[in-house]
Amino acid sequence: MNENNPSGAKSAAETAAAAQPPEETKARGGRESWVGAWRMPVTIALAGAIAVVCWQWYDTRSQIGAIREELGQRLRASDSAAGESLVLAKQAQESVREAQAKLSVIENKIAESQSQQIALEALYQELSRSRDEWALAEIEQILTVASQQLQLAGNVQAALLGLQTAEGRLARSDRPQFIPLRRVLNRDIERLKTAPNADIAGMALRLDNLIAGVDSLPLQFDERAQSPPKPVGPQGANGVWARVLTEMWDEMKQLVRIRNVDRPDAALLPPTQAYFLRENLQLRLLNARQALLARDPARFRADLETARTWMTRYYDTRAKGTAAALTSLKQLSENSINVELPTIADSLAAVRNFKVTREKAQR
């Protein structure tokens, strides 16, 4: 009932206030006046604070919305970039796979080329060894022939040519291991260049020519008759009688033959003994050739002197061929064949020792 009657409430309050003592009433009035004095500023401050908070909330919300929008845009951009990155990553992976495949092919080709290179190097080494072996075998053969020419025929020029050919082959090879061998060859070349030159090969060739020409040399009493030319007479009966008389006269001249002999002791040989004379003369010249190659000057001059004696006694010295043969025999007997020639045994031994050392090293 009192809740619906304000006036009644007010009377009750006043009654209560009147009932209180005067000091409490003053204190209470002072507090109420102090609270009333600070209520308005506090209210204004609270309102301002509420306004500030509301503004901050609104501003914060706006910023959050902007941030959210920017974040959404960035997320969308990042999604697009992620998609592009994924595509690029896939392309990169495909490129890597292609590169790896190409790299595998290249590695296989490199391995194949390396194996081919190794095979080629092995083949080159084998060919190089074979070429060097062939060159050494050829040089050994050349030096063997040159040594034979020098020892058997005394042919210094042939031996020198053989040494120079062998040294040239080694020079074309341009191998450092051939330098000691070339040094030995050059030493023998210099020795042959300063050696006395006895043309044994030329002398042997002149003897061969003399041996071949023995059968064509005329003897002093050559029984090979030469028929005189028959005159050609006039035609007719007189010509026939003249030809008959001429033939009769030729037959009569064959019965008796007169020849002039320059020397009273000229030997008369029948045709059968003339054949043996030529054969013995050829044998003498062959013996002289053997003595020449064997460096036997005494036997060489003795055989030449015997050949000259037989040729002077039994052959026609007025013939051109006989005179030339006698001149050759005299010149040959005057030549000196007792010449000490150097050998090329050092070069031949050096080549053989080099081959043996090389074969041992290859084993």
Foldseek 3Di string as FASTA:
>chain_A
DVVPPVVVVVVVVVVVLVVDDPVVNVVVVVVVVVCVVCVVVVVVVVVVVVVVVVVVVVVVVVVVVVVVVVVVVVVVVVVVVVVVVVVVVVVVVVVVVVVVVVVVVVVVVVVVVVVVVVVVVVVVVVVLVVVVVVLLVVLLVLQVVLQCCCQQQVQLVSVLVSLVVNLVSVVVVPDPVCVVLNVLSVVVNVQSVPFDDDRSVVLLVVLVVLLVCLVVFAWPDDPPDDDDDQDQADDDDVRVVVSVVVVVVSVVCVVDDDDDDPDPPADDDDPVVVVVLSVVLSVLSVQLSNCLSVQNLVSNLVSLVVSLVSLVRTTDCVDPVSVVSNVSSVVSNPGHSNGDGDGSVVSSVVSVVVVVVVVVVVD
